[in-house]
């Protein structure tokens, strides 16, 4: 599965990934792509931004909850888990409230592949 670019969460041109095995592959592909391209943005942008949802050569897009996107970003940015806190809240900042200046968004209409 190859990540080709980013689109709007509501873009009906791409079907949403629903199969768990396919979701796992898309997660890893997105994580590697974002690391390689230095992208980082919140779950809020993922759902509500112009180009927040990654789409793939399968004709499908990755649509996550804001919390799940924050967890993805915690992996992308290698944010360590808080060993003192069993709840592991490392995803929170990137789920909802990272500053706009900290975010690096995909270019409008960005397409790679």
PDB file of N, CA and C in Angstrom:
ATOM      1  N   UNK A   1       0.847  -1.179   0.000  1.00  0.00           N
ATOM      2  CA  UNK A   1       0.000   0.000   0.000  1.00  0.00           C
ATOM      3  C   UNK A   1       0.889   1.237   0.000  1.00  0.00           C
ATOM      4  N   UNK A   2       0.629   2.143  -0.936  1.00  0.00           N
ATOM      5  CA  UNK A   2       1.439   3.361  -1.038  1.00  0.00           C
ATOM      6  C   UNK A   2       0.582   4.596  -0.776  1.00  0.00           C
ATOM      7  N   UNK A   3       1.078   5.462   0.099  1.00  0.00           N
ATOM      8  CA  UNK A   3       0.406   6.729   0.361  1.00  0.00           C
ATOM      9  C   UNK A   3       0.700   7.644  -0.822  1.00  0.00           C
ATOM     10  N   UNK A   4      -0.351   8.154  -1.448  1.00  0.00           N
ATOM     11  CA  UNK A   4      -0.194   9.008  -2.626  1.00  0.00           C
ATOM     12  C   UNK A   4      -0.284  10.495  -2.319  1.00  0.00           C
ATOM     13  N   UNK A   5      -1.023  10.852  -1.281  1.00  0.00           N
ATOM     14  CA  UNK A   5      -1.205  12.263  -0.967  1.00  0.00           C
ATOM     15  C   UNK A   5      -2.225  12.427   0.147  1.00  0.00           C
ATOM     16  N   UNK A   6      -2.748  13.631   0.260  1.00  0.00           N
ATOM     17  CA  UNK A   6      -3.710  13.955   1.320  1.00  0.00           C
ATOM     18  C   UNK A   6      -4.922  14.625   0.717  1.00  0.00           C
ATOM     19  N   UNK A   7      -6.058  14.324   1.292  1.00  0.00           N
ATOM     20  CA  UNK A   7      -7.322  14.880   0.832  1.00  0.00           C
ATOM     21  C   UNK A   7      -8.150  15.292   2.036  1.00  0.00           C
ATOM     22  N   UNK A   8      -9.322  15.790   1.785  1.00  0.00           N
ATOM     23  CA  UNK A   8     -10.244  16.165   2.847  1.00  0.00           C
ATOM     24  C   UNK A   8     -10.914  14.920   3.406  1.00  0.00           C
ATOM     25  N   UNK A   9     -11.116  14.917   4.704  1.00  0.00           N
ATOM     26  CA  UNK A   9     -11.771  13.807   5.417  1.00  0.00           C
ATOM     27  C   UNK A   9     -13.099  13.427   4.747  1.00  0.00           C
ATOM     28  N   UNK A  10     -13.820  14.414   4.252  1.00  0.00           N
ATOM     29  CA  UNK A  10     -15.160  14.174   3.687  1.00  0.00           C
ATOM     30  C   UNK A  10     -15.144  13.897   2.187  1.00  0.00           C
ATOM     31  N   UNK A  11     -13.982  13.847   1.572  1.00  0.00           N
ATOM     32  CA  UNK A  11     -13.865  13.610   0.129  1.00  0.00           C
ATOM     33  C   UNK A  11     -14.451  12.243  -0.223  1.00  0.00           C
ATOM     34  N   UNK A  12     -15.550  12.243  -0.962  1.00  0.00           N
ATOM     35  CA  UNK A  12     -16.259  11.008  -1.298  1.00  0.00           C
ATOM     36  C   UNK A  12     -15.604  10.242  -2.454  1.00  0.00           C
ATOM     37  N   UNK A  13     -14.574  10.825  -3.031  1.00  0.00           N
ATOM     38  CA  UNK A  13     -13.842  10.156  -4.110  1.00  0.00           C
ATOM     39  C   UNK A  13     -13.108   8.910  -3.588  1.00  0.00           C
ATOM     40  N   UNK A  14     -12.763   8.918  -2.298  1.00  0.00           N
ATOM     41  CA  UNK A  14     -12.028   7.814  -1.676  1.00  0.00           C
ATOM     42  C   UNK A  14     -12.903   7.154  -0.611  1.00  0.00           C
ATOM     43  N   UNK A  15     -12.890   5.831  -0.601  1.00  0.00           N
ATOM     44  CA  UNK A  15     -13.598   5.092   0.444  1.00  0.00           C
ATOM     45  C   UNK A  15     -12.743   5.082   1.703  1.00  0.00           C
ATOM     46  N   UNK A  16     -13.404   4.973   2.838  1.00  0.00           N
ATOM     47  CA  UNK A  16     -12.702   4.918   4.114  1.00  0.00           C
ATOM     48  C   UNK A  16     -12.203   3.499   4.369  1.00  0.00           C
ATOM     49  N   UNK A  17     -10.986   3.375   4.852  1.00  0.00           N
ATOM     50  CA  UNK A  17     -10.444   2.067   5.209  1.00  0.00           C
ATOM     51  C   UNK A  17     -11.205   1.553   6.424  1.00  0.00           C
ATOM     52  N   UNK A  18     -11.733   0.338   6.321  1.00  0.00           N
ATOM     53  CA  UNK A  18     -12.496  -0.245   7.420  1.00  0.00           C
ATOM     54  C   UNK A  18     -11.914  -1.573   7.902  1.00  0.00           C
ATOM     55  N   UNK A  19     -11.207  -2.290   7.039  1.00  0.00           N
ATOM     56  CA  UNK A  19     -10.629  -3.580   7.380  1.00  0.00           C
ATOM     57  C   UNK A  19      -9.438  -3.389   8.326  1.00  0.00           C
ATOM     58  N   UNK A  20      -9.415  -4.124   9.436  1.00  0.00           N
ATOM     59  CA  UNK A  20      -8.358  -3.935  10.441  1.00  0.00           C
ATOM     60  C   UNK A  20      -6.962  -4.215   9.901  1.00  0.00           C
ATOM     61  N   UNK A  21      -6.814  -5.254   9.084  1.00  0.00           N
ATOM     62  CA  UNK A  21      -5.494  -5.566   8.528  1.00  0.00           C
ATOM     63  C   UNK A  21      -5.032  -4.432   7.608  1.00  0.00           C
ATOM     64  N   UNK A  22      -5.948  -3.924   6.799  1.00  0.00           N
ATOM     65  CA  UNK A  22      -5.629  -2.815   5.905  1.00  0.00           C
ATOM     66  C   UNK A  22      -5.337  -1.542   6.704  1.00  0.00           C
ATOM     67  N   UNK A  23      -6.056  -1.358   7.797  1.00  0.00           N
ATOM     68  CA  UNK A  23      -5.844  -0.212   8.682  1.00  0.00           C
ATOM     69  C   UNK A  23      -4.434  -0.248   9.278  1.00  0.00           C
ATOM     70  N   UNK A  24      -3.994  -1.421   9.698  1.00  0.00           N
ATOM     71  CA  UNK A  24      -2.646  -1.561  10.258  1.00  0.00           C
ATOM     72  C   UNK A  24      -1.578  -1.182   9.234  1.00  0.00           C
ATOM     73  N   UNK A  25      -1.759  -1.637   7.995  1.00  0.00           N
ATOM     74  CA  UNK A  25      -0.789  -1.321   6.933  1.00  0.00           C
ATOM     75  C   UNK A  25      -0.807   0.174   6.629  1.00  0.00           C
ATOM     76  N   UNK A  26      -1.988   0.770   6.587  1.00  0.00           N
ATOM     77  CA  UNK A  26      -2.120   2.204   6.319  1.00  0.00           C
ATOM     78  C   UNK A  26      -1.488   3.024   7.448  1.00  0.00           C
ATOM     79  N   UNK A  27      -1.654   2.577   8.685  1.00  0.00           N
ATOM     80  CA  UNK A  27      -1.059   3.259   9.847  1.00  0.00           C
ATOM     81  C   UNK A  27       0.450   3.330   9.678  1.00  0.00           C
ATOM     82  N   UNK A  28       1.071   2.198   9.394  1.00  0.00           N
ATOM     83  CA  UNK A  28       2.528   2.132   9.256  1.00  0.00           C
ATOM     84  C   UNK A  28       2.988   2.965   8.054  1.00  0.00           C
ATOM     85  N   UNK A  29       2.285   2.843   6.943  1.00  0.00           N
ATOM     86  CA  UNK A  29       2.643   3.617   5.749  1.00  0.00           C
ATOM     87  C   UNK A  29       2.558   5.116   6.025  1.00  0.00           C
ATOM     88  N   UNK A  30       1.515   5.538   6.730  1.00  0.00           N
ATOM     89  CA  UNK A  30       1.340   6.954   7.066  1.00  0.00           C
ATOM     90  C   UNK A  30       2.435   7.421   8.008  1.00  0.00           C
ATOM     91  N   UNK A  31       2.735   6.605   8.998  1.00  0.00           N
ATOM     92  CA  UNK A  31       3.774   6.955   9.961  1.00  0.00           C
ATOM     93  C   UNK A  31       5.120   7.154   9.243  1.00  0.00           C
ATOM     94  N   UNK A  32       5.497   6.220   8.391  1.00  0.00           N
ATOM     95  CA  UNK A  32       6.775   6.332   7.680  1.00  0.00           C
ATOM     96  C   UNK A  32       6.785   7.534   6.734  1.00  0.00           C
ATOM     97  N   UNK A  33       5.684   7.760   6.051  1.00  0.00           N
ATOM     98  CA  UNK A  33       5.599   8.880   5.109  1.00  0.00           C
ATOM     99  C   UNK A  33       5.745  10.208   5.838  1.00  0.00           C
ATOM    100  N   UNK A  34       5.035  10.338   6.949  1.00  0.00           N
ATOM    101  CA  UNK A  34       5.076  11.603   7.685  1.00  0.00           C
ATOM    102  C   UNK A  34       6.457  11.856   8.276  1.00  0.00           C
ATOM    103  N   UNK A  35       7.117  10.815   8.750  1.00  0.00           N
ATOM    104  CA  UNK A  35       8.487  10.966   9.241  1.00  0.00           C
ATOM    105  C   UNK A  35       9.408  11.411   8.109  1.00  0.00           C
ATOM    106  N   UNK A  36       9.290  10.740   6.962  1.00  0.00           N
ATOM    107  CA  UNK A  36      10.173  11.021   5.822  1.00  0.00           C
ATOM    108  C   UNK A  36       9.981  12.432   5.276  1.00  0.00           C
ATOM    109  N   UNK A  37       8.749  12.957   5.362  1.00  0.00           N
ATOM    110  CA  UNK A  37       8.442  14.273   4.803  1.00  0.00           C
ATOM    111  C   UNK A  37       8.340  15.374   5.862  1.00  0.00           C
ATOM    112  N   UNK A  38       8.591  15.029   7.119  1.00  0.00           N
ATOM    113  CA  UNK A  38       8.581  16.026   8.187  1.00  0.00           C
ATOM    114  C   UNK A  38       7.220  16.628   8.470  1.00  0.00           C
ATOM    115  N   UNK A  39       6.150  15.888   8.182  1.00  0.00           N
ATOM    116  CA  UNK A  39       4.796  16.405   8.414  1.00  0.00           C
ATOM    117  C   UNK A  39       4.358  16.127   9.840  1.00  0.00           C
ATOM    118  N   UNK A  40       3.570  17.048  10.392  1.00  0.00           N
ATOM    119  CA  UNK A  40       2.964  16.831  11.706  1.00  0.00           C
ATOM    120  C   UNK A  40       1.797  17.777  11.856  1.00  0.00           C
ATOM    121  N   UNK A  41       0.661  17.210  12.219  1.00  0.00           N
ATOM    122  CA  UNK A  41      -0.530  18.024  12.451  1.00  0.00           C
ATOM    123  C   UNK A  41      -1.492  17.274  13.353  1.00  0.00           C
ATOM    124  N   UNK A  42      -2.416  18.016  13.916  1.00  0.00           N
ATOM    125  CA  UNK A  42      -3.328  17.482  14.928  1.00  0.00           C
ATOM    126  C   UNK A  42      -4.444  16.621  14.337  1.00  0.00           C
ATOM    127  N   UNK A  43      -5.076  15.891  15.231  1.00  0.00           N
ATOM    128  CA  UNK A  43      -6.261  15.126  14.859  1.00  0.00           C
ATOM    129  C   UNK A  43      -7.387  16.035  14.403  1.00  0.00           C
ATOM    130  N   UNK A  44      -7.425  17.237  14.971  1.00  0.00           N
ATOM    131  CA  UNK A  44      -8.421  18.207  14.536  1.00  0.00           C
ATOM    132  C   UNK A  44      -8.202  18.568  13.066  1.00  0.00           C
ATOM    133  N   UNK A  45      -6.946  18.824  12.685  1.00  0.00           N
ATOM    134  CA  UNK A  45      -6.672  19.115  11.270  1.00  0.00           C
ATOM    135  C   UNK A  45      -6.928  17.875  10.418  1.00  0.00           C
ATOM    136  N   UNK A  46      -6.562  16.716  10.910  1.00  0.00           N
ATOM    137  CA  UNK A  46      -6.799  15.470  10.186  1.00  0.00           C
ATOM    138  C   UNK A  46      -8.271  15.356   9.785  1.00  0.00           C
ATOM    139  N   UNK A  47      -9.169  15.696  10.706  1.00  0.00           N
ATOM    140  CA  UNK A  47     -10.602  15.576  10.423  1.00  0.00           C
ATOM    141  C   UNK A  47     -11.199  16.799   9.742  1.00  0.00           C
ATOM    142  N   UNK A  48     -10.687  17.978  10.040  1.00  0.00           N
ATOM    143  CA  UNK A  48     -11.351  19.203   9.581  1.00  0.00           C
ATOM    144  C   UNK A  48     -10.535  20.060   8.616  1.00  0.00           C
ATOM    145  N   UNK A  49      -9.281  19.734   8.428  1.00  0.00           N
ATOM    146  CA  UNK A  49      -8.432  20.510   7.532  1.00  0.00           C
ATOM    147  C   UNK A  49      -8.674  20.149   6.077  1.00  0.00           C
ATOM    148  N   UNK A  50      -8.191  21.010   5.208  1.00  0.00           N
ATOM    149  CA  UNK A  50      -8.403  20.808   3.774  1.00  0.00           C
ATOM    150  C   UNK A  50      -7.746  19.531   3.260  1.00  0.00           C
ATOM    151  N   UNK A  51      -6.553  19.221   3.756  1.00  0.00           N
ATOM    152  CA  UNK A  51      -5.802  18.044   3.294  1.00  0.00           C
ATOM    153  C   UNK A  51      -5.269  17.244   4.474  1.00  0.00           C
ATOM    154  N   UNK A  52      -6.159  16.773   5.329  1.00  0.00           N
ATOM    155  CA  UNK A  52      -5.725  16.074   6.532  1.00  0.00           C
ATOM    156  C   UNK A  52      -5.801  14.571   6.488  1.00  0.00           C
ATOM    157  N   UNK A  53      -6.454  14.010   5.481  1.00  0.00           N
ATOM    158  CA  UNK A  53      -6.639  12.557   5.433  1.00  0.00           C
ATOM    159  C   UNK A  53      -5.747  11.939   4.351  1.00  0.00           C
ATOM    160  N   UNK A  54      -4.831  11.049   4.731  1.00  0.00           N
ATOM    161  CA  UNK A  54      -3.988  10.410   3.729  1.00  0.00           C
ATOM    162  C   UNK A  54      -4.811   9.466   2.850  1.00  0.00           C
ATOM    163  N   UNK A  55      -4.475   9.439   1.555  1.00  0.00           N
ATOM    164  CA  UNK A  55      -5.122   8.469   0.665  1.00  0.00           C
ATOM    165  C   UNK A  55      -4.058   7.640  -0.037  1.00  0.00           C
ATOM    166  N   UNK A  56      -4.488   6.473  -0.489  1.00  0.00           N
ATOM    167  CA  UNK A  56      -3.558   5.442  -0.921  1.00  0.00           C
ATOM    168  C   UNK A  56      -3.877   4.940  -2.325  1.00  0.00           C
ATOM    169  N   UNK A  57      -2.939   4.168  -2.862  1.00  0.00           N
ATOM    170  CA  UNK A  57      -3.096   3.604  -4.202  1.00  0.00           C
ATOM    171  C   UNK A  57      -4.221   2.571  -4.279  1.00  0.00           C
ATOM    172  N   UNK A  58      -4.837   2.263  -3.167  1.00  0.00           N
ATOM    173  CA  UNK A  58      -5.986   1.346  -3.122  1.00  0.00           C
ATOM    174  C   UNK A  58      -7.298   2.073  -3.414  1.00  0.00           C
ATOM    175  N   UNK A  59      -7.221   3.416  -3.513  1.00  0.00           N
ATOM    176  CA  UNK A  59      -8.432   4.212  -3.696  1.00  0.00           C
ATOM    177  C   UNK A  59      -9.143   4.492  -2.385  1.00  0.00           C
ATOM    178  N   UNK A  60      -8.454   4.234  -1.265  1.00  0.00           N
ATOM    179  CA  UNK A  60      -9.046   4.447   0.054  1.00  0.00           C
ATOM    180  C   UNK A  60      -8.260   5.493   0.830  1.00  0.00           C
ATOM    181  N   UNK A  61      -8.922   6.039   1.861  1.00  0.00           N
ATOM    182  CA  UNK A  61      -8.300   7.048   2.719  1.00  0.00           C
ATOM    183  C   UNK A  61      -8.342   6.579   4.167  1.00  0.00           C
ATOM    184  N   UNK A  62      -7.410   7.110   4.957  1.00  0.00           N
ATOM    185  CA  UNK A  62      -7.325   6.789   6.376  1.00  0.00           C
ATOM    186  C   UNK A  62      -8.058   7.863   7.168  1.00  0.00           C
ATOM    187  N   UNK A  63      -9.116   7.472   7.863  1.00  0.00           N
ATOM    188  CA  UNK A  63      -9.919   8.388   8.676  1.00  0.00           C
ATOM    189  C   UNK A  63      -9.910   7.877  10.113  1.00  0.00           C
ATOM    190  N   UNK A  64      -9.206   8.578  10.968  1.00  0.00           N
ATOM    191  CA  UNK A  64      -9.064   8.168  12.360  1.00  0.00           C
ATOM    192  C   UNK A  64      -9.789   9.129  13.290  1.00  0.00           C
ATOM    193  N   UNK A  65     -10.033   8.668  14.509  1.00  0.00           N
ATOM    194  CA  UNK A  65     -10.520   9.581  15.539  1.00  0.00           C
ATOM    195  C   UNK A  65      -9.388  10.554  15.861  1.00  0.00           C
ATOM    196  N   UNK A  66      -9.712  11.670  16.478  1.00  0.00           N
ATOM    197  CA  UNK A  66      -8.675  12.633  16.844  1.00  0.00           C
ATOM    198  C   UNK A  66      -7.684  11.993  17.808  1.00  0.00           C
ATOM    199  N   UNK A  67      -8.185  11.181  18.718  1.00  0.00           N
ATOM    200  CA  UNK A  67      -7.333  10.495  19.689  1.00  0.00           C
ATOM    201  C   UNK A  67      -6.384   9.517  18.989  1.00  0.00           C
ATOM    202  N   UNK A  68      -6.896   8.750  18.046  1.00  0.00           N
ATOM    203  CA  UNK A  68      -6.057   7.801  17.309  1.00  0.00           C
ATOM    204  C   UNK A  68      -5.013   8.542  16.473  1.00  0.00           C
ATOM    205  N   UNK A  69      -5.411   9.676  15.858  1.00  0.00           N
ATOM    206  CA  UNK A  69      -4.432  10.454  15.093  1.00  0.00           C
ATOM    207  C   UNK A  69      -3.329  10.971  16.027  1.00  0.00           C
ATOM    208  N   UNK A  70      -3.708  11.403  17.218  1.00  0.00           N
ATOM    209  CA  UNK A  70      -2.712  11.841  18.198  1.00  0.00           C
ATOM    210  C   UNK A  70      -1.743  10.726  18.552  1.00  0.00           C
ATOM    211  N   UNK A  71      -2.244   9.505  18.667  1.00  0.00           N
ATOM    212  CA  UNK A  71      -1.382   8.353  18.952  1.00  0.00           C
ATOM    213  C   UNK A  71      -0.436   8.095  17.784  1.00  0.00           C
ATOM    214  N   UNK A  72      -0.936   8.241  16.565  1.00  0.00           N
ATOM    215  CA  UNK A  72      -0.086   8.103  15.378  1.00  0.00           C
ATOM    216  C   UNK A  72       1.026   9.146  15.409  1.00  0.00           C
ATOM    217  N   UNK A  73       0.662  10.398  15.714  1.00  0.00           N
ATOM    218  CA  UNK A  73       1.647  11.469  15.756  1.00  0.00           C
ATOM    219  C   UNK A  73       2.663  11.242  16.875  1.00  0.00           C
ATOM    220  N   UNK A  74       2.232  10.686  18.003  1.00  0.00           N
ATOM    221  CA  UNK A  74       3.169  10.376  19.088  1.00  0.00           C
ATOM    222  C   UNK A  74       4.217   9.384  18.597  1.00  0.00           C
ATOM    223  N   UNK A  75       3.815   8.436  17.747  1.00  0.00           N
ATOM    224  CA  UNK A  75       4.777   7.499  17.155  1.00  0.00           C
ATOM    225  C   UNK A  75       5.659   8.199  16.128  1.00  0.00           C
ATOM    226  N   UNK A  76       5.056   9.027  15.284  1.00  0.00           N
ATOM    227  CA  UNK A  76       5.817   9.748  14.260  1.00  0.00           C
ATOM    228  C   UNK A  76       6.905  10.600  14.905  1.00  0.00           C
ATOM    229  N   UNK A  77       6.563  11.273  15.981  1.00  0.00           N
ATOM    230  CA  UNK A  77       7.483  12.205  16.638  1.00  0.00           C
ATOM    231  C   UNK A  77       8.303  11.562  17.755  1.00  0.00           C
ATOM    232  N   UNK A  78       8.148  10.244  17.915  1.00  0.00           N
ATOM    233  CA  UNK A  78       8.893   9.503  18.948  1.00  0.00           C
ATOM    234  C   UNK A  78       8.729  10.129  20.332  1.00  0.00           C
ATOM    235  N   UNK A  79       7.495  10.493  20.669  1.00  0.00           N
ATOM    236  CA  UNK A  79       7.208  11.071  21.979  1.00  0.00           C
ATOM    237  C   UNK A  79       7.214   9.939  23.008  1.00  0.00           C
ATOM    238  N   UNK A  80       8.078  10.030  23.999  1.00  0.00           N
ATOM    239  CA  UNK A  80       8.161   8.946  24.991  1.00  0.00           C
ATOM    240  C   UNK A  80       6.911   8.898  25.863  1.00  0.00           C
ATOM    241  N   UNK A  81       6.565   7.698  26.246  1.00  0.00           N
ATOM    242  CA  UNK A  81       5.452   7.528  27.179  1.00  0.00           C
ATOM    243  C   UNK A  81       5.893   7.998  28.549  1.00  0.00           C
ATOM    244  N   UNK A  82       4.947   8.543  29.306  1.00  0.00           N
ATOM    245  CA  UNK A  82       5.222   8.988  30.666  1.00  0.00           C
ATOM    246  C   UNK A  82       5.200   7.759  31.569  1.00  0.00           C
ATOM    247  N   UNK A  83       6.359   7.310  31.979  1.00  0.00           N
ATOM    248  CA  UNK A  83       6.468   6.091  32.787  1.00  0.00           C
ATOM    249  C   UNK A  83       5.825   6.243  34.162  1.00  0.00           C
ATOM    250  N   UNK A  84       5.647   7.492  34.623  1.00  0.00           N
ATOM    251  CA  UNK A  84       5.053   7.738  35.933  1.00  0.00           C
ATOM    252  C   UNK A  84       3.530   7.723  35.877  1.00  0.00           C
ATOM    253  N   UNK A  85       2.977   7.779  34.675  1.00  0.00           N
ATOM    254  CA  UNK A  85       1.530   7.874  34.514  1.00  0.00           C
ATOM    255  C   UNK A  85       1.044   6.686  33.690  1.00  0.00           C
ATOM    256  N   UNK A  86       0.317   5.786  34.314  1.00  0.00           N
ATOM    257  CA  UNK A  86      -0.173   4.577  33.647  1.00  0.00           C
ATOM    258  C   UNK A  86      -1.122   4.888  32.483  1.00  0.00           C
ATOM    259  N   UNK A  87      -1.718   6.056  32.493  1.00  0.00           N
ATOM    260  CA  UNK A  87      -2.715   6.388  31.470  1.00  0.00           C
ATOM    261  C   UNK A  87      -2.088   6.693  30.116  1.00  0.00           C
ATOM    262  N   UNK A  88      -0.814   6.980  30.042  1.00  0.00           N
ATOM    263  CA  UNK A  88      -0.100   7.343  28.817  1.00  0.00           C
ATOM    264  C   UNK A  88      -0.881   8.382  28.018  1.00  0.00           C
ATOM    265  N   UNK A  89      -0.639   9.618  28.334  1.00  0.00           N
ATOM    266  CA  UNK A  89      -1.329  10.726  27.680  1.00  0.00           C
ATOM    267  C   UNK A  89      -0.453  11.388  26.613  1.00  0.00           C
ATOM    268  N   UNK A  90       0.546  10.668  26.102  1.00  0.00           N
ATOM    269  CA  UNK A  90       1.489  11.245  25.144  1.00  0.00           C
ATOM    270  C   UNK A  90       0.815  11.696  23.850  1.00  0.00           C
ATOM    271  N   UNK A  91      -0.345  11.155  23.543  1.00  0.00           N
ATOM    272  CA  UNK A  91      -1.054  11.486  22.311  1.00  0.00           C
ATOM    273  C   UNK A  91      -1.860  12.785  22.396  1.00  0.00           C
ATOM    274  N   UNK A  92      -2.146  13.271  23.597  1.00  0.00           N
ATOM    275  CA  UNK A  92      -3.122  14.354  23.778  1.00  0.00           C
ATOM    276  C   UNK A  92      -2.799  15.625  22.993  1.00  0.00           C
ATOM    277  N   UNK A  93      -1.571  16.090  23.072  1.00  0.00           N
ATOM    278  CA  UNK A  93      -1.213  17.333  22.402  1.00  0.00           C
ATOM    279  C   UNK A  93      -1.536  17.259  20.915  1.00  0.00           C
ATOM    280  N   UNK A  94      -1.166  16.140  20.276  1.00  0.00           N
ATOM    281  CA  UNK A  94      -1.334  16.029  18.830  1.00  0.00           C
ATOM    282  C   UNK A  94      -2.727  15.555  18.444  1.00  0.00           C
ATOM    283  N   UNK A  95      -3.517  15.178  19.405  1.00  0.00           N
ATOM    284  CA  UNK A  95      -4.917  14.873  19.111  1.00  0.00           C
ATOM    285  C   UNK A  95      -5.697  16.173  18.924  1.00  0.00           C
ATOM    286  N   UNK A  96      -5.425  17.161  19.815  1.00  0.00           N
ATOM    287  CA  UNK A  96      -6.281  18.337  19.829  1.00  0.00           C
ATOM    288  C   UNK A  96      -5.588  19.694  19.804  1.00  0.00           C
ATOM    289  N   UNK A  97      -4.519  19.891  20.574  1.00  0.00           N
ATOM    290  CA  UNK A  97      -4.147  21.268  20.857  1.00  0.00           C
ATOM    291  C   UNK A  97      -2.719  21.683  20.566  1.00  0.00           C
ATOM    292  N   UNK A  98      -2.022  21.038  19.649  1.00  0.00           N
ATOM    293  CA  UNK A  98      -0.693  21.537  19.270  1.00  0.00           C
ATOM    294  C   UNK A  98      -0.871  22.924  18.640  1.00  0.00           C
ATOM    295  N   UNK A  99       0.050  23.817  18.895  1.00  0.00           N
ATOM    296  CA  UNK A  99      -0.019  25.163  18.323  1.00  0.00           C
ATOM    297  C   UNK A  99       0.109  25.106  16.805  1.00  0.00           C
ATOM    298  N   UNK A 100      -0.544  26.027  16.136  1.00  0.00           N
ATOM    299  CA  UNK A 100      -0.478  26.032  14.672  1.00  0.00           C
ATOM    300  C   UNK A 100       0.951  26.188  14.177  1.00  0.00           C
ATOM    301  N   UNK A 101       1.793  26.900  14.909  1.00  0.00           N
ATOM    302  CA  UNK A 101       3.181  27.075  14.516  1.00  0.00           C
ATOM    303  C   UNK A 101       4.001  25.792  14.602  1.00  0.00           C
ATOM    304  N   UNK A 102       3.518  24.817  15.356  1.00  0.00           N
ATOM    305  CA  UNK A 102       4.211  23.532  15.487  1.00  0.00           C
ATOM    306  C   UNK A 102       3.816  22.557  14.378  1.00  0.00           C
ATOM    307  N   UNK A 103       2.728  22.852  13.707  1.00  0.00           N
ATOM    308  CA  UNK A 103       2.217  21.926  12.701  1.00  0.00           C
ATOM    309  C   UNK A 103       2.900  22.151  11.353  1.00  0.00           C
ATOM    310  N   UNK A 104       3.170  21.071  10.663  1.00  0.00           N
ATOM    311  CA  UNK A 104       3.677  21.128   9.301  1.00  0.00           C
ATOM    312  C   UNK A 104       2.687  20.355   8.448  1.00  0.00           C
ATOM    313  N   UNK A 105       1.938  21.095   7.642  1.00  0.00           N
ATOM    314  CA  UNK A 105       0.814  20.533   6.892  1.00  0.00           C
ATOM    315  C   UNK A 105       1.229  20.087   5.491  1.00  0.00           C
ATOM    316  N   UNK A 106       0.490  19.120   4.942  1.00  0.00           N
ATOM    317  CA  UNK A 106       0.729  18.761   3.542  1.00  0.00           C
ATOM    318  C   UNK A 106       0.375  19.950   2.650  1.00  0.00           C
ATOM    319  N   UNK A 107       1.090  20.109   1.572  1.00  0.00           N
ATOM    320  CA  UNK A 107       0.772  21.169   0.619  1.00  0.00           C
ATOM    321  C   UNK A 107      -0.608  20.926   0.034  1.00  0.00           C
ATOM    322  N   UNK A 108      -1.293  21.976  -0.294  1.00  0.00           N
ATOM    323  CA  UNK A 108      -2.601  21.820  -0.928  1.00  0.00           C
ATOM    324  C   UNK A 108      -2.441  21.064  -2.227  1.00  0.00           C
ATOM    325  N   UNK A 109      -3.244  20.016  -2.356  1.00  0.00           N
ATOM    326  CA  UNK A 109      -3.206  19.218  -3.564  1.00  0.00           C
ATOM    327  C   UNK A 109      -1.951  18.378  -3.708  1.00  0.00           C
ATOM    328  N   UNK A 110      -1.228  18.192  -2.590  1.00  0.00           N
ATOM    329  CA  UNK A 110       0.012  17.431  -2.638  1.00  0.00           C
ATOM    330  C   UNK A 110      -0.261  16.023  -3.129  1.00  0.00           C
ATOM    331  N   UNK A 111       0.555  15.587  -4.033  1.00  0.00           N
ATOM    332  CA  UNK A 111       0.437  14.228  -4.547  1.00  0.00           C
ATOM    333  C   UNK A 111       1.834  13.669  -4.710  1.00  0.00           C
ATOM    334  N   UNK A 112       2.050  12.512  -4.163  1.00  0.00           N
ATOM    335  CA  UNK A 112       3.346  11.840  -4.262  1.00  0.00           C
ATOM    336  C   UNK A 112       3.102  10.429  -4.763  1.00  0.00           C
ATOM    337  N   UNK A 113       4.077   9.897  -5.434  1.00  0.00           N
ATOM    338  CA  UNK A 113       3.929   8.504  -5.869  1.00  0.00           C
ATOM    339  C   UNK A 113       4.433   8.314  -7.256  1.00  0.00           C
TER     340      UNK A 113
END
